[in-house]
Amino acid sequence: MILVGGIRGDTSNGDTWIFDLKTNLWEVGKSSGEIPLAMDDHTLALVDKQIVVFGGFGSEGLRVNSVHSA
């Protein structure tokens, strides 16, 4: 399971976490390339083995209308 972004306190973050369903362990995901802005309330989907992140709210509380894939 992969989690990207979210809210820490009152601030959006850009963290990526990976949860291994077999071992029940979390690890911080490693990122490269263009990393999306810290955001929350976005949509994330897995499409043909590719993660796609769309929209949400940026760290300044403004609506983000961008698409990122990895």
Protein backbone atom coordinates (compact mmCIF):
# COMPACT_ATOMS: atom_id res chain seq x y z
CA MET A 1 0.00 0.00 0.00
CA ILE A 2 1.38 3.44 -0.88
CA LEU A 3 0.43 6.74 0.79
CA VAL A 4 1.48 10.05 -0.72
CA GLY A 5 1.03 13.44 0.93
CA GLY A 6 -1.46 14.29 3.62
CA ILE A 7 -1.59 16.64 6.60
CA ARG A 8 0.84 16.81 9.50
CA GLY A 9 -0.60 19.18 12.11
CA ASP A 10 -1.87 22.15 10.10
CA THR A 11 0.59 21.71 7.21
CA SER A 12 0.41 19.65 4.02
CA ASN A 13 3.32 17.30 3.48
CA GLY A 14 4.86 15.54 0.50
CA ASP A 15 5.94 12.34 2.23
CA THR A 16 5.61 8.97 0.54
CA TRP A 17 5.12 5.91 2.76
CA ILE A 18 5.03 2.26 1.69
CA PHE A 19 3.29 -0.37 3.83
CA ASP A 20 4.24 -4.00 3.21
CA LEU A 21 1.05 -6.03 3.71
CA LYS A 22 3.04 -9.25 4.21
CA THR A 23 5.40 -7.98 6.95
CA ASN A 24 3.13 -5.24 8.41
CA LEU A 25 6.03 -2.77 8.23
CA TRP A 26 6.12 0.85 7.00
CA GLU A 27 9.06 2.43 5.20
CA VAL A 28 9.65 5.88 3.77
CA GLY A 29 9.48 5.83 0.00
CA LYS A 30 12.44 7.00 -2.04
CA SER A 31 11.65 9.67 -4.62
CA SER A 32 13.49 10.92 -7.67
CA GLY A 33 12.75 13.17 -10.61
CA GLU A 34 10.19 15.95 -10.31
CA ILE A 35 8.55 15.62 -6.90
CA PRO A 36 5.01 17.04 -6.53
CA LEU A 37 4.33 19.90 -4.13
CA ALA A 38 3.32 18.97 -0.61
CA MET A 39 -0.45 18.46 -0.78
CA ASP A 40 -3.47 16.89 0.81
CA ASP A 41 -7.02 16.00 -0.28
CA HIS A 42 -5.72 14.76 -3.66
CA THR A 43 -6.55 11.72 -5.76
CA LEU A 44 -4.00 8.92 -6.17
CA ALA A 45 -4.46 5.91 -8.41
CA LEU A 46 -2.38 3.02 -9.71
CA VAL A 47 -2.71 2.80 -13.50
CA ASP A 48 -0.80 0.09 -15.37
CA LYS A 49 1.88 -0.14 -12.61
CA GLN A 50 2.25 3.64 -12.56
CA ILE A 51 1.23 5.93 -9.67
CA VAL A 52 -0.83 8.94 -10.78
CA VAL A 53 -1.48 11.86 -8.38
CA PHE A 54 -4.04 14.54 -9.32
CA GLY A 55 -5.19 17.77 -7.71
CA GLY A 56 -5.63 18.51 -4.01
CA PHE A 57 -4.67 21.42 -1.78
CA GLY A 58 -1.11 22.73 -1.68
CA SER A 59 0.76 23.74 1.46
CA GLU A 60 -0.55 27.33 1.13
CA GLY A 61 -4.16 26.05 1.19
CA LEU A 62 -4.63 26.74 -2.51
CA ARG A 63 -6.30 24.24 -4.84
CA VAL A 64 -3.74 22.38 -6.99
CA ASN A 65 -4.77 21.28 -10.49
CA SER A 66 -1.69 19.28 -11.51
CA VAL A 67 -1.03 15.68 -12.57
CA HIS A 68 2.12 13.76 -11.59
CA SER A 69 3.01 10.16 -12.39
CA ALA A 70 5.83 7.81 -11.45
